[in-house]
């Protein structure tokens, strides 16, 4: 691999890292918004444990830490 090829590869990797960081920041912002909305809903709603919203919240909470989700 020549020096020019190596430099080109470095530039590509740096650009890829920048894109990944931007995506990570966007996901973190979306997570904060989602968490805020979840907490608001969770604290302001006194729900029957079998209601649709309560079951939906439980499902989302269960999916949260799964890699598949």
N, C-alpha and C. Protein backbone atom coordinates (compact mmCIF):
# COMPACT_ATOMS: atom_id res chain seq x y z
N UNK A 1 0.85 -1.17 0.00
CA UNK A 1 0.00 0.00 0.00
C UNK A 1 0.90 1.24 0.00
N UNK A 2 0.68 2.13 -0.93
CA UNK A 2 1.51 3.32 -1.01
C UNK A 2 1.06 4.34 0.02
N UNK A 3 1.89 5.36 0.17
CA UNK A 3 1.61 6.42 1.14
C UNK A 3 0.32 7.16 0.79
N UNK A 4 0.09 7.37 -0.51
CA UNK A 4 -1.13 8.04 -0.95
C UNK A 4 -2.38 7.22 -0.65
N UNK A 5 -2.27 5.90 -0.85
CA UNK A 5 -3.40 5.01 -0.53
C UNK A 5 -3.70 5.02 0.96
N UNK A 6 -2.63 5.01 1.75
CA UNK A 6 -2.80 5.01 3.20
C UNK A 6 -3.46 6.31 3.66
N UNK A 7 -3.03 7.43 3.07
CA UNK A 7 -3.63 8.72 3.43
C UNK A 7 -5.10 8.76 3.05
N UNK A 8 -5.42 8.22 1.88
CA UNK A 8 -6.81 8.18 1.44
C UNK A 8 -7.67 7.34 2.37
N UNK A 9 -7.11 6.23 2.81
CA UNK A 9 -7.83 5.35 3.74
C UNK A 9 -8.04 6.04 5.09
N UNK A 10 -7.05 6.77 5.54
CA UNK A 10 -7.17 7.51 6.80
C UNK A 10 -8.26 8.56 6.70
N UNK A 11 -8.30 9.28 5.59
CA UNK A 11 -9.33 10.30 5.38
C UNK A 11 -10.71 9.66 5.39
N UNK A 12 -10.86 8.53 4.70
CA UNK A 12 -12.15 7.82 4.67
C UNK A 12 -12.59 7.42 6.07
N UNK A 13 -11.65 6.87 6.83
CA UNK A 13 -11.98 6.43 8.19
C UNK A 13 -12.35 7.61 9.08
N UNK A 14 -11.65 8.73 8.92
CA UNK A 14 -11.98 9.92 9.70
C UNK A 14 -13.37 10.44 9.36
N UNK A 15 -13.71 10.44 8.08
CA UNK A 15 -15.04 10.87 7.66
C UNK A 15 -16.11 9.93 8.22
N UNK A 16 -15.82 8.65 8.19
CA UNK A 16 -16.76 7.67 8.72
C UNK A 16 -16.96 7.88 10.22
N UNK A 17 -15.89 8.15 10.94
CA UNK A 17 -16.00 8.41 12.37
C UNK A 17 -16.82 9.67 12.65
N UNK A 18 -16.66 10.69 11.84
CA UNK A 18 -17.46 11.91 12.00
C UNK A 18 -18.93 11.60 11.80
N UNK A 19 -19.26 10.83 10.78
CA UNK A 19 -20.66 10.46 10.54
C UNK A 19 -21.22 9.61 11.68
N UNK A 20 -20.43 8.69 12.17
CA UNK A 20 -20.88 7.87 13.30
C UNK A 20 -21.12 8.72 14.54
N UNK A 21 -20.25 9.67 14.79
CA UNK A 21 -20.42 10.55 15.95
C UNK A 21 -21.69 11.38 15.81
N UNK A 22 -21.94 11.92 14.61
CA UNK A 22 -23.15 12.71 14.38
C UNK A 22 -24.40 11.86 14.63
N UNK A 23 -24.38 10.64 14.14
CA UNK A 23 -25.52 9.74 14.35
C UNK A 23 -25.69 9.42 15.83
N UNK A 24 -24.59 9.22 16.52
CA UNK A 24 -24.64 8.95 17.96
C UNK A 24 -25.25 10.12 18.71
N UNK A 25 -24.84 11.33 18.37
CA UNK A 25 -25.38 12.52 19.03
C UNK A 25 -26.88 12.64 18.77
N UNK A 26 -27.31 12.38 17.54
CA UNK A 26 -28.75 12.42 17.22
C UNK A 26 -29.52 11.39 18.04
N UNK A 27 -28.97 10.19 18.13
CA UNK A 27 -29.64 9.14 18.91
C UNK A 27 -29.70 9.50 20.39
N UNK A 28 -28.65 10.10 20.91
CA UNK A 28 -28.66 10.52 22.31
C UNK A 28 -29.74 11.58 22.55
N UNK A 29 -29.89 12.52 21.61
CA UNK A 29 -30.91 13.55 21.75
C UNK A 29 -32.30 12.94 21.69
N UNK A 30 -32.51 12.01 20.78
CA UNK A 30 -33.80 11.33 20.68
C UNK A 30 -34.09 10.53 21.95
N UNK A 31 -33.06 9.91 22.49
CA UNK A 31 -33.22 9.15 23.73
C UNK A 31 -33.64 10.06 24.87
N UNK A 32 -32.99 11.21 25.00
CA UNK A 32 -33.34 12.15 26.07
C UNK A 32 -34.79 12.61 25.95
N UNK A 33 -35.22 12.90 24.72
CA UNK A 33 -36.60 13.32 24.50
C UNK A 33 -37.56 12.19 24.85
N UNK A 34 -37.25 11.00 24.41
CA UNK A 34 -38.10 9.85 24.71
C UNK A 34 -38.17 9.58 26.21
N UNK A 35 -37.03 9.64 26.87
CA UNK A 35 -36.99 9.41 28.31
C UNK A 35 -37.80 10.47 29.05
N UNK A 36 -37.68 11.72 28.62
CA UNK A 36 -38.45 12.80 29.24
C UNK A 36 -39.94 12.56 29.08
N UNK A 37 -40.35 12.23 27.86
CA UNK A 37 -41.77 11.98 27.60
C UNK A 37 -42.27 10.77 28.38
N UNK A 38 -41.47 9.75 28.45
CA UNK A 38 -41.84 8.56 29.22
C UNK A 38 -42.04 8.91 30.69
N UNK A 39 -41.09 9.66 31.24
CA UNK A 39 -41.19 10.03 32.65
C UNK A 39 -42.40 10.90 32.93
N UNK A 40 -42.70 11.82 32.01
CA UNK A 40 -43.89 12.66 32.17
C UNK A 40 -45.14 11.79 32.15
N UNK A 41 -45.22 10.92 31.18
CA UNK A 41 -46.39 10.04 31.08
C UNK A 41 -46.50 9.13 32.29
N UNK A 42 -45.39 8.61 32.72
CA UNK A 42 -45.38 7.68 33.84
C UNK A 42 -45.80 8.36 35.14
N UNK A 43 -45.40 9.60 35.36
CA UNK A 43 -45.72 10.29 36.61
C UNK A 43 -47.09 10.95 36.59
N UNK A 44 -47.56 11.35 35.44
CA UNK A 44 -48.84 12.07 35.39
C UNK A 44 -50.04 11.15 35.21
N UNK A 45 -49.80 9.92 34.85
CA UNK A 45 -50.91 9.01 34.58
C UNK A 45 -50.98 7.95 35.66
N UNK A 46 -52.09 7.92 36.33
CA UNK A 46 -52.34 6.86 37.31
C UNK A 46 -53.17 5.81 36.58
N UNK A 47 -52.52 4.72 36.23
CA UNK A 47 -53.16 3.74 35.36
C UNK A 47 -53.45 2.43 36.06
N UNK A 48 -54.51 1.82 35.60
CA UNK A 48 -54.80 0.44 35.94
C UNK A 48 -53.69 -0.41 35.31
N UNK A 49 -53.18 -1.39 36.02
CA UNK A 49 -52.06 -2.21 35.54
C UNK A 49 -52.37 -2.97 34.26
N UNK A 50 -53.63 -3.13 33.93
CA UNK A 50 -54.01 -3.87 32.73
C UNK A 50 -54.44 -2.96 31.59
N UNK A 51 -54.33 -1.65 31.76
CA UNK A 51 -54.74 -0.74 30.69
C UNK A 51 -53.77 -0.83 29.51
N UNK A 52 -54.24 -0.41 28.36
CA UNK A 52 -53.42 -0.46 27.15
C UNK A 52 -52.13 0.34 27.31
N UNK A 53 -52.25 1.56 27.83
CA UNK A 53 -51.07 2.42 27.96
C UNK A 53 -50.07 1.80 28.92
N UNK A 54 -50.54 1.25 30.01
CA UNK A 54 -49.64 0.62 30.98
C UNK A 54 -48.92 -0.58 30.36
N UNK A 55 -49.64 -1.40 29.63
CA UNK A 55 -49.02 -2.56 28.98
C UNK A 55 -48.02 -2.10 27.91
N UNK A 56 -48.36 -1.03 27.18
CA UNK A 56 -47.45 -0.49 26.18
C UNK A 56 -46.16 0.02 26.82
N UNK A 57 -46.30 0.74 27.93
CA UNK A 57 -45.12 1.23 28.64
C UNK A 57 -44.24 0.08 29.12
N UNK A 58 -44.85 -0.96 29.62
CA UNK A 58 -44.08 -2.13 30.07
C UNK A 58 -43.34 -2.77 28.90
N UNK A 59 -44.01 -2.88 27.77
CA UNK A 59 -43.38 -3.49 26.59
C UNK A 59 -42.19 -2.67 26.13
N UNK A 60 -42.36 -1.35 26.06
CA UNK A 60 -41.25 -0.47 25.65
C UNK A 60 -40.10 -0.57 26.64
N UNK A 61 -40.41 -0.59 27.92
CA UNK A 61 -39.37 -0.71 28.94
C UNK A 61 -38.63 -2.04 28.81
N UNK A 62 -39.35 -3.12 28.51
CA UNK A 62 -38.71 -4.42 28.33
C UNK A 62 -37.81 -4.44 27.10
N UNK A 63 -38.21 -3.75 26.05
CA UNK A 63 -37.42 -3.73 24.81
C UNK A 63 -36.20 -2.83 24.91
N UNK A 64 -36.23 -1.90 25.82
CA UNK A 64 -35.23 -0.84 25.86
C UNK A 64 -33.79 -1.36 25.86
N UNK A 65 -33.44 -2.28 26.69
CA UNK A 65 -32.04 -2.72 26.79
C UNK A 65 -31.70 -3.93 25.93
N UNK A 66 -32.58 -4.34 25.07
CA UNK A 66 -32.30 -5.48 24.21
C UNK A 66 -31.55 -5.04 22.96
N UNK A 67 -30.56 -5.81 22.57
CA UNK A 67 -29.80 -5.47 21.36
C UNK A 67 -30.65 -5.64 20.12
N UNK A 68 -31.59 -6.59 20.15
CA UNK A 68 -32.43 -6.83 18.99
C UNK A 68 -33.27 -5.60 18.68
N UNK A 69 -33.75 -4.92 19.70
CA UNK A 69 -34.57 -3.73 19.51
C UNK A 69 -33.70 -2.62 19.01
